[in-house]
Amino acid sequence: MITLVCPSCGGQVECTDEGRESVRCPYCGSEIFFGASHTDAEFNNIRNANYQMEQDNLLDEKNRRSVKTWSVVRAVLIFLLAVQNYTGWLFIAIALKEENREAVKNGDFGFFILATLLIVGAFFLGLISPVILTLTRPNYNVVTKEEDKNAKVKAFIITLLINVLVWIASVTLAIISWKVFNIR
């Protein structure tokens, strides 16, 4: 009896008839060809195993690329959140400057409106980005090369924590900028 690995689905296929030159996979229906001798069958078994390994490597590379792309998108969203939040708070400080208070008294709320839109936008980006990133996160662990059922939960928690830290850092940086550049 010879055991082969199906090149299509990876299933274990047993062949008991030594005179056969092919056998049909009971799992996917693919026909596996091999020579009449056991040596040919063993060679084909090795070739089928190599084929399966190549397919696994291709799948691993595809999964790695998708996780890398997802990580780049996350980094861009976090960067946008930081810039948007910092700019909004900076604009609030500029609007509160002594020379700009007269314009506000006359009904010119341009800086306040722009600053408010930036800050509210940053707030919603900070809340929505973890949800979007969680829904698009591939369920794949690059280290173990296996499916990770908790990848989406981890992505949500980590992204939310990073967003909170970015929010705190950008507000702190805006306050430091106010003081260093004497904006207020």
Protein backbone atom coordinates (compact mmCIF):
# COMPACT_ATOMS: atom_id res chain seq x y z
CA MET A 1 0.00 0.00 0.00
CA ILE A 2 1.24 3.48 -0.91
CA THR A 3 0.13 6.73 0.73
CA LEU A 4 0.20 9.85 -1.44
CA VAL A 5 -0.50 13.51 -0.75
CA CYS A 6 -3.04 15.07 -3.12
CA PRO A 7 -1.44 18.09 -4.83
CA SER A 8 -4.81 19.86 -5.04
CA CYS A 9 -6.16 19.61 -1.52
CA GLY A 10 -3.36 18.04 0.54
CA GLY A 11 -5.49 15.04 1.52
CA GLN A 12 -3.93 11.65 2.29
CA VAL A 13 -4.70 9.23 -0.55
CA GLU A 14 -4.02 5.50 -0.19
CA CYS A 15 -3.43 3.24 -3.17
CA THR A 16 -3.63 -0.51 -2.63
CA ASP A 17 -3.47 -1.72 -6.25
CA GLU A 18 0.18 -1.86 -7.32
CA GLY A 19 -0.70 -2.11 -11.03
CA ARG A 20 -2.50 1.23 -11.18
CA GLU A 21 -0.92 4.30 -12.72
CA SER A 22 -3.33 6.80 -11.14
CA VAL A 23 -5.70 7.15 -8.22
CA ARG A 24 -8.56 9.57 -7.59
CA CYS A 25 -8.51 11.71 -4.44
CA PRO A 26 -11.57 10.87 -2.30
CA TYR A 27 -11.66 14.45 -0.91
CA CYS A 28 -11.50 16.70 -3.97
CA GLY A 29 -11.81 14.26 -6.89
CA SER A 30 -8.45 15.14 -8.48
CA GLU A 31 -6.65 12.37 -10.29
CA ILE A 32 -3.11 11.69 -9.08
CA PHE A 33 -0.83 10.01 -11.63
CA PHE A 34 2.18 7.89 -10.73
CA GLY A 35 4.28 5.21 -12.38
CA ALA A 36 3.71 1.46 -12.13
CA SER A 37 6.56 0.89 -9.71
CA HIS A 38 6.67 1.84 -6.03
CA THR A 39 9.76 3.96 -6.68
CA ASP A 40 7.81 6.13 -9.09
CA ALA A 41 4.96 6.39 -6.61
CA GLU A 42 7.33 7.41 -3.83
CA PHE A 43 8.95 9.97 -6.14
CA ASN A 44 5.52 11.36 -6.98
CA ASN A 45 4.65 11.42 -3.29
CA ILE A 46 7.73 13.57 -2.66
CA ARG A 47 6.87 15.74 -5.66
CA ASN A 48 3.29 16.13 -4.39
CA ALA A 49 4.56 17.03 -0.92
CA ASN A 50 6.92 19.62 -2.45
CA TYR A 51 4.03 21.03 -4.46
CA GLN A 52 1.95 21.31 -1.30
CA MET A 53 4.84 23.01 0.49
CA GLU A 54 5.19 25.51 -2.38
CA GLN A 55 1.46 26.22 -2.19
CA ASP A 56 1.72 26.77 1.57
CA ASN A 57 4.65 29.16 1.03
CA LEU A 58 2.70 31.10 -1.59
CA LEU A 59 -0.27 31.35 0.79
CA ASP A 60 2.05 32.44 3.61
CA GLU A 61 3.57 35.14 1.39
CA LYS A 62 0.12 36.35 0.37
CA ASN A 63 -0.98 36.50 4.02
CA ARG A 64 2.22 38.34 5.00
CA ARG A 65 1.60 40.94 2.28
CA SER A 66 -1.99 41.46 3.41
CA VAL A 67 -0.91 41.92 7.05
CA LYS A 68 1.84 44.33 5.93
CA THR A 69 -0.62 46.35 3.83
CA TRP A 70 -3.02 46.47 6.77
CA SER A 71 -0.21 47.69 9.06
CA VAL A 72 0.69 50.49 6.64
CA VAL A 73 -2.95 51.60 6.47
CA ARG A 74 -3.10 51.62 10.27
CA ALA A 75 0.08 53.72 10.49
CA VAL A 76 -1.31 56.24 7.97
CA LEU A 77 -4.60 56.54 9.88
CA ILE A 78 -2.77 57.08 13.16
CA PHE A 79 -0.53 59.71 11.56
CA LEU A 80 -3.59 61.51 10.14
CA LEU A 81 -5.22 61.40 13.56
CA ALA A 82 -2.16 62.98 15.19
CA VAL A 83 -1.78 65.73 12.59
CA GLN A 84 -5.49 66.52 12.54
CA ASN A 85 -5.79 66.67 16.32
CA TYR A 86 -2.60 68.73 16.80
CA THR A 87 -3.59 71.19 14.07
CA GLY A 88 -7.07 71.63 15.53
CA TRP A 89 -5.78 72.47 19.00
CA LEU A 90 -3.14 74.77 17.51
CA PHE A 91 -5.83 76.63 15.57
CA ILE A 92 -7.85 77.04 18.77
CA ALA A 93 -4.81 78.69 20.37
CA ILE A 94 -4.32 80.97 17.38
CA ALA A 95 -8.00 81.96 17.48
CA LEU A 96 -7.61 82.85 21.16
CA LYS A 97 -4.63 85.14 20.58
CA GLU A 98 -5.19 88.71 21.70
CA GLU A 99 -5.11 90.17 18.17
CA ASN A 100 -7.61 87.59 16.92
CA ARG A 101 -10.13 88.18 19.73
CA GLU A 102 -11.28 91.40 18.05
CA ALA A 103 -12.18 89.45 14.88
CA VAL A 104 -14.18 86.97 16.97
CA LYS A 105 -16.05 89.86 18.62
CA ASN A 106 -16.95 91.11 15.14
CA GLY A 107 -18.43 87.73 14.21
CA ASP A 108 -15.48 86.20 12.32
CA PHE A 109 -15.47 82.64 13.59
CA GLY A 110 -13.37 81.14 10.75
CA PHE A 111 -10.52 79.87 12.92
CA PHE A 112 -12.89 78.54 15.58
CA ILE A 113 -15.00 76.71 13.00
CA LEU A 114 -11.94 75.23 11.29
CA ALA A 115 -10.40 74.22 14.62
CA THR A 116 -13.67 72.67 15.81
CA LEU A 117 -14.06 70.71 12.57
CA LEU A 118 -10.50 69.41 12.85
CA ILE A 119 -10.91 68.38 16.49
CA VAL A 120 -14.34 66.76 15.97
CA GLY A 121 -13.00 65.03 12.86
CA ALA A 122 -10.00 63.75 14.80
CA PHE A 123 -12.32 62.51 17.54
CA PHE A 124 -14.46 60.55 15.08
CA LEU A 125 -11.39 59.27 13.22
CA GLY A 126 -10.05 58.08 16.57
CA LEU A 127 -13.29 56.20 17.26
CA ILE A 128 -14.00 54.89 13.77
CA SER A 129 -10.49 53.81 12.76
CA PRO A 130 -10.31 50.92 15.30
CA VAL A 131 -13.63 49.60 13.98
CA ILE A 132 -12.57 49.89 10.32
CA LEU A 133 -9.19 48.36 11.03
CA THR A 134 -10.76 45.54 13.03
CA LEU A 135 -13.12 44.64 10.20
CA THR A 136 -10.29 44.62 7.64
CA ARG A 137 -7.61 42.88 9.76
CA PRO A 138 -6.51 39.55 8.23
CA ASN A 139 -6.91 36.60 10.61
CA TYR A 140 -3.31 35.52 10.22
CA ASN A 141 -0.38 35.40 12.63
CA VAL A 142 2.84 36.11 10.74
CA VAL A 143 5.00 34.54 13.45
CA THR A 144 3.22 31.20 13.79
CA LYS A 145 2.07 31.16 10.14
CA GLU A 146 -1.37 30.06 11.27
CA GLU A 147 -4.84 31.51 11.45
CA ASP A 148 -5.29 33.72 14.51
CA LYS A 149 -8.92 33.79 15.65
CA ASN A 150 -8.21 36.61 18.11
CA ALA A 151 -6.42 38.87 15.59
CA LYS A 152 -9.40 41.19 15.16
CA VAL A 153 -9.96 41.61 18.92
CA LYS A 154 -6.25 42.31 19.45
CA ALA A 155 -6.26 44.79 16.56
CA PHE A 156 -9.25 46.66 18.03
CA ILE A 157 -7.76 46.95 21.52
CA ILE A 158 -4.27 47.90 20.32
CA THR A 159 -5.55 50.47 17.80
CA LEU A 160 -7.89 52.03 20.36
CA LEU A 161 -5.06 52.31 22.91
CA ILE A 162 -2.71 53.78 20.30
CA ASN A 163 -5.38 56.32 19.32
CA VAL A 164 -5.84 57.39 22.95
CA LEU A 165 -2.08 57.77 23.36
CA VAL A 166 -1.85 59.74 20.09
CA TRP A 167 -4.69 61.98 21.26
CA ILE A 168 -2.93 62.68 24.57
CA ALA A 169 0.44 63.21 22.87
CA SER A 170 -0.94 65.59 20.22
CA VAL A 171 -2.82 67.68 22.82
CA THR A 172 0.33 67.79 24.99
CA LEU A 173 2.41 68.80 21.96
CA ALA A 174 -0.11 71.53 21.09
CA ILE A 175 0.07 72.90 24.67
CA ILE A 176 3.89 72.87 24.52
CA SER A 177 3.72 74.66 21.15
CA TRP A 178 1.44 77.31 22.67
CA LYS A 179 3.98 78.01 25.37
CA VAL A 180 7.15 77.74 23.26
CA PHE A 181 5.87 79.93 20.45
CA ASN A 182 3.96 82.22 22.83
CA ILE A 183 0.73 81.71 20.92
CA ARG A 184 -1.52 82.42 23.89
